[in-house]
């Protein structure tokens, strides 16, 4: 099995090589699978990452969820590794921060308690069918997930699904992985 850093680098390069048309086409298929799922339809409060660097695009998803009166929380991070989710009503308030990420201006009054979420939508670089995930290496989601009872679902391209990935004791397995071709129930 390849080490996590090697997998991260390989998948990151493959993802960055996608054209913007390819990202939109593939993301549209992922979006369709997600919004047709029971776990999405039944969720009232959703934590969702803001896509960057050719990740599965979440902008249309967030706009659609907001139109459907779902509460959307997006990550706000601190340099010390803490991540919280803050309610937004529009993508227009986002601005660039560390690592090229987009975040809303910090407003502790808009922070959503972790126990309020029904669904957490996560990014990642690589996954396996058992729900294991390799993220970007910052550990933000690994520290956040134990604080919430919400279902977890990763948004992924098919090429990001590997037979097996290395895991650590602190890794939390996902409930679902949604790709352009399927919804994988992991647990």
Protein backbone atom coordinates (compact mmCIF):
# COMPACT_ATOMS: atom_id res chain seq x y z
CA UNK A 1 0.00 0.00 0.00
CA UNK A 2 1.30 3.45 -0.90
CA UNK A 3 1.92 6.03 1.84
CA UNK A 4 -0.68 8.79 2.36
CA UNK A 5 1.64 11.54 1.09
CA UNK A 6 2.22 9.71 -2.19
CA UNK A 7 -1.53 9.14 -2.65
CA UNK A 8 -2.25 12.80 -1.84
CA UNK A 9 0.26 14.03 -4.43
CA UNK A 10 -0.90 11.62 -7.16
CA UNK A 11 -4.62 12.35 -6.77
CA UNK A 12 -4.07 16.10 -6.34
CA UNK A 13 -2.19 16.25 -9.67
CA UNK A 14 -4.86 14.19 -11.41
CA UNK A 15 -7.61 16.44 -10.04
CA UNK A 16 -5.77 19.65 -10.99
CA UNK A 17 -5.39 18.33 -14.56
CA UNK A 18 -9.18 18.33 -15.05
CA UNK A 19 -10.52 21.03 -17.35
CA UNK A 20 -13.16 23.39 -15.95
CA UNK A 21 -15.72 21.78 -18.30
CA UNK A 22 -14.80 18.34 -16.94
CA UNK A 23 -15.11 19.55 -13.34
CA UNK A 24 -18.58 20.98 -14.07
CA UNK A 25 -19.75 17.87 -15.95
CA UNK A 26 -18.54 15.46 -13.27
CA UNK A 27 -19.73 17.70 -10.43
CA UNK A 28 -23.18 17.86 -12.01
CA UNK A 29 -23.45 14.07 -11.88
CA UNK A 30 -22.29 14.01 -8.23
CA UNK A 31 -24.82 16.76 -7.43
CA UNK A 32 -27.65 14.77 -9.05
CA UNK A 33 -26.83 11.63 -7.04
CA UNK A 34 -26.63 13.65 -3.84
CA UNK A 35 -29.90 15.57 -4.15
CA UNK A 36 -31.77 12.35 -5.03
CA UNK A 37 -30.53 10.63 -1.85
CA UNK A 38 -32.80 10.21 1.18
CA UNK A 39 -30.07 11.43 3.54
CA UNK A 40 -29.83 14.74 1.65
CA UNK A 41 -33.58 15.18 1.19
CA UNK A 42 -34.23 14.55 4.90
CA UNK A 43 -31.44 16.86 6.10
CA UNK A 44 -32.47 20.30 7.32
CA UNK A 45 -29.04 21.47 8.49
CA UNK A 46 -26.03 20.69 6.31
CA UNK A 47 -22.34 21.43 6.83
CA UNK A 48 -20.62 21.78 3.47
CA UNK A 49 -17.11 22.67 2.34
CA UNK A 50 -16.54 25.41 -0.22
CA UNK A 51 -14.87 23.79 -3.24
CA UNK A 52 -11.49 25.01 -4.51
CA UNK A 53 -8.74 23.65 -6.78
CA UNK A 54 -10.96 21.42 -8.93
CA UNK A 55 -12.68 19.69 -6.00
CA UNK A 56 -16.22 18.50 -6.71
CA UNK A 57 -17.97 21.84 -7.10
CA UNK A 58 -20.22 22.73 -4.15
CA UNK A 59 -21.29 26.22 -5.22
CA UNK A 60 -24.40 25.10 -7.14
CA UNK A 61 -25.24 22.61 -4.39
CA UNK A 62 -25.09 25.32 -1.70
CA UNK A 63 -27.25 27.68 -3.76
CA UNK A 64 -29.80 24.92 -4.36
CA UNK A 65 -29.89 23.92 -0.69
CA UNK A 66 -30.41 27.54 0.35
CA UNK A 67 -33.27 27.89 -2.16
CA UNK A 68 -34.78 24.74 -0.63
CA UNK A 69 -34.70 26.40 2.84
CA UNK A 70 -31.96 24.17 4.21
CA UNK A 71 -29.58 25.67 6.73
CA UNK A 72 -26.05 25.66 5.30
CA UNK A 73 -22.95 25.95 7.43
CA UNK A 74 -19.54 26.47 5.83
CA UNK A 75 -16.14 26.05 7.50
CA UNK A 76 -14.29 28.83 9.24
CA UNK A 77 -10.82 27.83 10.39
CA UNK A 78 -8.18 29.09 12.77
CA UNK A 79 -4.42 28.71 12.25
CA UNK A 80 -4.35 26.54 15.41
CA UNK A 81 -6.32 23.79 13.62
CA UNK A 82 -9.79 24.55 14.97
CA UNK A 83 -12.72 24.47 12.56
CA UNK A 84 -16.30 25.58 13.14
CA UNK A 85 -19.22 25.96 10.76
CA UNK A 86 -20.97 29.23 10.22
CA UNK A 87 -24.42 29.75 8.70
CA UNK A 88 -24.53 31.62 5.40
CA UNK A 89 -27.37 32.90 3.28
CA UNK A 90 -25.29 33.65 0.17
CA UNK A 91 -21.97 32.70 -1.42
CA UNK A 92 -21.33 36.39 -2.10
CA UNK A 93 -19.94 36.99 1.38
CA UNK A 94 -17.02 34.56 0.95
CA UNK A 95 -13.44 35.82 0.73
CA UNK A 96 -10.05 34.09 0.30
CA UNK A 97 -8.09 33.02 3.40
CA UNK A 98 -5.16 30.62 4.05
CA UNK A 99 -4.43 27.84 1.53
CA UNK A 100 -6.69 29.47 -1.10
CA UNK A 101 -9.83 28.55 0.85
CA UNK A 102 -12.96 30.68 0.79
CA UNK A 103 -14.64 31.60 4.08
CA UNK A 104 -17.28 34.03 5.32
CA UNK A 105 -16.22 36.86 7.63
CA UNK A 106 -15.96 35.47 11.18
CA UNK A 107 -19.23 35.91 13.07
CA UNK A 108 -19.53 33.84 16.25
CA UNK A 109 -23.27 34.63 16.37
CA UNK A 110 -23.71 32.72 13.10
CA UNK A 111 -21.81 29.63 14.30
CA UNK A 112 -23.88 26.44 14.14
CA UNK A 113 -23.41 23.96 17.01
CA UNK A 114 -21.99 20.62 15.74
CA UNK A 115 -24.90 18.65 17.24
CA UNK A 116 -27.37 20.63 15.07
CA UNK A 117 -26.21 19.15 11.77
CA UNK A 118 -28.02 16.32 10.01
CA UNK A 119 -25.40 15.92 7.27
CA UNK A 120 -21.73 16.80 6.84
CA UNK A 121 -20.42 17.00 3.25
CA UNK A 122 -16.65 16.51 3.21
CA UNK A 123 -13.91 16.98 0.66
CA UNK A 124 -10.98 14.63 0.35
CA UNK A 125 -8.27 13.42 -1.96
CA UNK A 126 -8.78 9.65 -1.80
CA UNK A 127 -11.34 7.22 -0.43
CA UNK A 128 -12.03 3.51 -0.27
CA UNK A 129 -15.36 1.65 -0.25
CA UNK A 130 -15.15 1.12 3.51
CA UNK A 131 -15.45 4.87 4.07
CA UNK A 132 -11.82 5.61 4.80
CA UNK A 133 -10.65 9.03 3.68
CA UNK A 134 -7.39 10.83 2.99
CA UNK A 135 -7.82 14.58 3.32
CA UNK A 136 -5.38 17.35 2.58
CA UNK A 137 -3.44 16.65 5.76
CA UNK A 138 -4.58 19.48 8.03
CA UNK A 139 -6.77 17.25 10.21
CA UNK A 140 -9.57 19.82 10.48
CA UNK A 141 -12.38 17.37 9.70
CA UNK A 142 -10.74 14.60 11.77
CA UNK A 143 -10.97 16.89 14.80
CA UNK A 144 -14.50 18.14 13.99
CA UNK A 145 -16.28 14.86 13.21
CA UNK A 146 -16.19 13.41 16.76
CA UNK A 147 -18.20 16.47 17.94
CA UNK A 148 -21.27 15.77 15.76
CA UNK A 149 -23.75 12.90 15.40
CA UNK A 150 -24.51 13.90 11.79
CA UNK A 151 -24.27 11.53 8.86
CA UNK A 152 -21.16 12.03 6.76
CA UNK A 153 -20.84 11.98 2.99
CA UNK A 154 -17.83 12.73 0.82
CA UNK A 155 -18.17 14.23 -2.63
CA UNK A 156 -15.67 12.57 -4.96
CA UNK A 157 -14.73 11.81 -8.52
CA UNK A 158 -14.64 8.13 -9.48
CA UNK A 159 -10.85 8.20 -9.90
CA UNK A 160 -10.46 9.18 -6.23
CA UNK A 161 -11.87 5.82 -5.08
CA UNK A 162 -9.03 3.37 -4.40
CA UNK A 163 -9.12 -0.29 -3.39
CA UNK A 164 -7.60 0.45 0.00
CA UNK A 165 -6.01 3.44 1.68
CA UNK A 166 -3.83 3.58 4.79
CA UNK A 167 -5.61 4.63 7.97
CA UNK A 168 -4.64 5.96 11.38
CA UNK A 169 -6.34 5.29 14.70
CA UNK A 170 -7.94 8.77 14.76
CA UNK A 171 -9.51 8.42 11.28
CA UNK A 172 -13.31 8.35 11.22
CA UNK A 173 -15.03 6.34 8.53
CA UNK A 174 -17.64 8.01 6.34
CA UNK A 175 -21.24 6.88 5.98
CA UNK A 176 -21.42 7.60 2.23
CA UNK A 177 -19.28 8.55 -0.74
CA UNK A 178 -21.03 10.16 -3.70
CA UNK A 179 -19.28 9.99 -7.07
CA UNK A 180 -20.39 10.81 -10.57
CA UNK A 181 -21.42 7.18 -11.11
CA UNK A 182 -22.80 6.02 -7.73
CA UNK A 183 -23.63 6.48 -4.09
CA UNK A 184 -21.47 4.16 -1.99
CA UNK A 185 -22.94 3.18 1.38
CA UNK A 186 -19.86 2.55 3.50
CA UNK A 187 -21.27 1.37 6.83
